[in-house]
Amino acid sequence: MHRNKTYKQQNLDFLYRELARLNNPAGIGELLRSLLTPAELEDLASRWEILKRLHRGDTQRKIARELHLGLCKITRGSKELKKEGSIVKEILTRKE
């Protein structure tokens, strides 16, 4: 990686700041629908469902069976929830 941020990282940093500034679920939804394909949005929703189910204690195999997904995708979510200081875990805990 270059010493300076790549254009991709610069763009991601910009989007993160703008999403934080929106502070408006409808606006965030509109932005995501503008940037992502319907399949990418479905994948995002699927990943969130995996995280919710893992957080409530469902097994990876049960989730794989019910959502018709591979274990690799579910394992990634499981690792994220086990990370110290996981923002995902914080959000899911706050939601309860």
C-alpha atoms as a PDB file:
ATOM      1  CA  MET A   1       0.000   0.000   0.000  1.00  0.00           C
ATOM      2  CA  HIS A   2       1.197   3.488  -0.776  1.00  0.00           C
ATOM      3  CA  ARG A   3       2.270   5.904   1.875  1.00  0.00           C
ATOM      4  CA  ASN A   4      -0.772   8.042   1.106  1.00  0.00           C
ATOM      5  CA  LYS A   5      -4.246   6.635   1.298  1.00  0.00           C
ATOM      6  CA  THR A   6      -5.492   5.037  -1.883  1.00  0.00           C
ATOM      7  CA  TYR A   7      -8.425   6.632  -3.659  1.00  0.00           C
ATOM      8  CA  LYS A   8     -10.560   3.711  -2.515  1.00  0.00           C
ATOM      9  CA  GLN A   9      -9.749   4.291   1.137  1.00  0.00           C
ATOM     10  CA  GLN A  10     -10.248   8.036   0.716  1.00  0.00           C
ATOM     11  CA  ASN A  11     -13.670   7.384  -0.793  1.00  0.00           C
ATOM     12  CA  LEU A  12     -14.616   4.993   2.001  1.00  0.00           C
ATOM     13  CA  ASP A  13     -13.517   7.506   4.621  1.00  0.00           C
ATOM     14  CA  PHE A  14     -15.628  10.165   2.901  1.00  0.00           C
ATOM     15  CA  LEU A  15     -18.675   7.880   2.807  1.00  0.00           C
ATOM     16  CA  TYR A  16     -18.267   6.980   6.487  1.00  0.00           C
ATOM     17  CA  ARG A  17     -18.263  10.671   7.411  1.00  0.00           C
ATOM     18  CA  GLU A  18     -21.269  11.430   5.216  1.00  0.00           C
ATOM     19  CA  LEU A  19     -23.261   8.500   6.607  1.00  0.00           C
ATOM     20  CA  ALA A  20     -22.522   9.751  10.106  1.00  0.00           C
ATOM     21  CA  ARG A  21     -23.608  13.273   9.139  1.00  0.00           C
ATOM     22  CA  LEU A  22     -26.878  12.141   7.581  1.00  0.00           C
ATOM     23  CA  ASN A  23     -28.271  11.011  10.935  1.00  0.00           C
ATOM     24  CA  ASN A  24     -31.435  10.140   9.015  1.00  0.00           C
ATOM     25  CA  PRO A  25     -32.490   6.519   8.319  1.00  0.00           C
ATOM     26  CA  ALA A  26     -34.437   7.455   5.170  1.00  0.00           C
ATOM     27  CA  GLY A  27     -31.473   9.371   3.755  1.00  0.00           C
ATOM     28  CA  ILE A  28     -29.062   6.567   4.591  1.00  0.00           C
ATOM     29  CA  GLY A  29     -31.393   4.073   2.913  1.00  0.00           C
ATOM     30  CA  GLU A  30     -31.613   6.258  -0.173  1.00  0.00           C
ATOM     31  CA  LEU A  31     -27.827   6.562  -0.329  1.00  0.00           C
ATOM     32  CA  LEU A  32     -27.312   2.810   0.048  1.00  0.00           C
ATOM     33  CA  ARG A  33     -29.924   2.069  -2.635  1.00  0.00           C
ATOM     34  CA  SER A  34     -28.119   4.538  -4.916  1.00  0.00           C
ATOM     35  CA  LEU A  35     -24.718   2.924  -4.372  1.00  0.00           C
ATOM     36  CA  LEU A  36     -25.543  -0.778  -4.104  1.00  0.00           C
ATOM     37  CA  THR A  37     -27.298  -3.199  -6.411  1.00  0.00           C
ATOM     38  CA  PRO A  38     -30.422  -4.992  -5.162  1.00  0.00           C
ATOM     39  CA  ALA A  39     -28.306  -8.156  -4.772  1.00  0.00           C
ATOM     40  CA  GLU A  40     -25.731  -6.283  -2.666  1.00  0.00           C
ATOM     41  CA  LEU A  41     -28.494  -4.878  -0.460  1.00  0.00           C
ATOM     42  CA  GLU A  42     -29.938  -8.381  -0.037  1.00  0.00           C
ATOM     43  CA  ASP A  43     -26.490  -9.657   0.911  1.00  0.00           C
ATOM     44  CA  LEU A  44     -26.156  -6.887   3.490  1.00  0.00           C
ATOM     45  CA  ALA A  45     -29.569  -7.755   4.953  1.00  0.00           C
ATOM     46  CA  SER A  46     -28.619 -11.445   4.998  1.00  0.00           C
ATOM     47  CA  ARG A  47     -25.369 -10.719   6.830  1.00  0.00           C
ATOM     48  CA  TRP A  48     -27.258  -8.705   9.434  1.00  0.00           C
ATOM     49  CA  GLU A  49     -29.721 -11.580   9.914  1.00  0.00           C
ATOM     50  CA  ILE A  50     -26.774 -13.925  10.486  1.00  0.00           C
ATOM     51  CA  LEU A  51     -25.362 -11.587  13.128  1.00  0.00           C
ATOM     52  CA  LYS A  52     -28.723 -11.251  14.890  1.00  0.00           C
ATOM     53  CA  ARG A  53     -29.192 -15.017  15.018  1.00  0.00           C
ATOM     54  CA  LEU A  54     -25.658 -15.649  16.233  1.00  0.00           C
ATOM     55  CA  HIS A  55     -26.113 -13.014  18.912  1.00  0.00           C
ATOM     56  CA  ARG A  56     -29.290 -14.661  20.185  1.00  0.00           C
ATOM     57  CA  GLY A  57     -27.455 -17.982  20.410  1.00  0.00           C
ATOM     58  CA  ASP A  58     -28.455 -19.918  17.295  1.00  0.00           C
ATOM     59  CA  THR A  59     -25.843 -22.416  16.129  1.00  0.00           C
ATOM     60  CA  GLN A  60     -23.967 -21.849  12.896  1.00  0.00           C
ATOM     61  CA  ARG A  61     -25.361 -25.066  11.456  1.00  0.00           C
ATOM     62  CA  LYS A  62     -28.944 -24.065  12.266  1.00  0.00           C
ATOM     63  CA  ILE A  63     -28.433 -20.676  10.617  1.00  0.00           C
ATOM     64  CA  ALA A  64     -26.828 -22.284   7.559  1.00  0.00           C
ATOM     65  CA  ARG A  65     -29.719 -24.711   7.226  1.00  0.00           C
ATOM     66  CA  GLU A  66     -32.491 -22.144   7.714  1.00  0.00           C
ATOM     67  CA  LEU A  67     -30.983 -19.407   5.545  1.00  0.00           C
ATOM     68  CA  HIS A  68     -29.450 -21.749   2.936  1.00  0.00           C
ATOM     69  CA  LEU A  69     -25.973 -20.309   3.408  1.00  0.00           C
ATOM     70  CA  GLY A  70     -22.461 -21.688   3.609  1.00  0.00           C
ATOM     71  CA  LEU A  71     -20.738 -21.967   6.964  1.00  0.00           C
ATOM     72  CA  CYS A  72     -17.885 -19.661   5.857  1.00  0.00           C
ATOM     73  CA  LYS A  73     -20.164 -16.637   5.663  1.00  0.00           C
ATOM     74  CA  ILE A  74     -21.601 -17.458   9.083  1.00  0.00           C
ATOM     75  CA  THR A  75     -18.189 -18.077  10.640  1.00  0.00           C
ATOM     76  CA  ARG A  76     -17.121 -14.585   9.608  1.00  0.00           C
ATOM     77  CA  GLY A  77     -20.033 -13.148  11.574  1.00  0.00           C
ATOM     78  CA  SER A  78     -19.223 -15.330  14.552  1.00  0.00           C
ATOM     79  CA  LYS A  79     -15.637 -14.075  14.592  1.00  0.00           C
ATOM     80  CA  GLU A  80     -16.854 -10.487  14.451  1.00  0.00           C
ATOM     81  CA  LEU A  81     -19.087 -10.980  17.481  1.00  0.00           C
ATOM     82  CA  LYS A  82     -16.183 -12.487  19.445  1.00  0.00           C
ATOM     83  CA  LYS A  83     -13.859  -9.534  18.773  1.00  0.00           C
ATOM     84  CA  GLU A  84     -13.160  -7.332  21.756  1.00  0.00           C
ATOM     85  CA  GLY A  85     -14.956  -4.017  21.345  1.00  0.00           C
ATOM     86  CA  SER A  86     -17.074  -5.251  18.416  1.00  0.00           C
ATOM     87  CA  ILE A  87     -19.337  -2.440  17.226  1.00  0.00           C
ATOM     88  CA  VAL A  88     -21.700  -5.066  15.831  1.00  0.00           C
ATOM     89  CA  LYS A  89     -22.085  -6.671  19.248  1.00  0.00           C
ATOM     90  CA  GLU A  90     -22.570  -3.244  20.814  1.00  0.00           C
ATOM     91  CA  ILE A  91     -25.371  -2.420  18.366  1.00  0.00           C
ATOM     92  CA  LEU A  92     -27.072  -5.784  18.810  1.00  0.00           C
ATOM     93  CA  THR A  93     -26.896  -5.506  22.591  1.00  0.00           C
ATOM     94  CA  ARG A  94     -28.291  -1.962  22.472  1.00  0.00           C
ATOM     95  CA  LYS A  95     -31.177  -3.167  20.294  1.00  0.00           C
ATOM     96  CA  GLU A  96     -32.457  -5.615  22.926  1.00  0.00           C
END
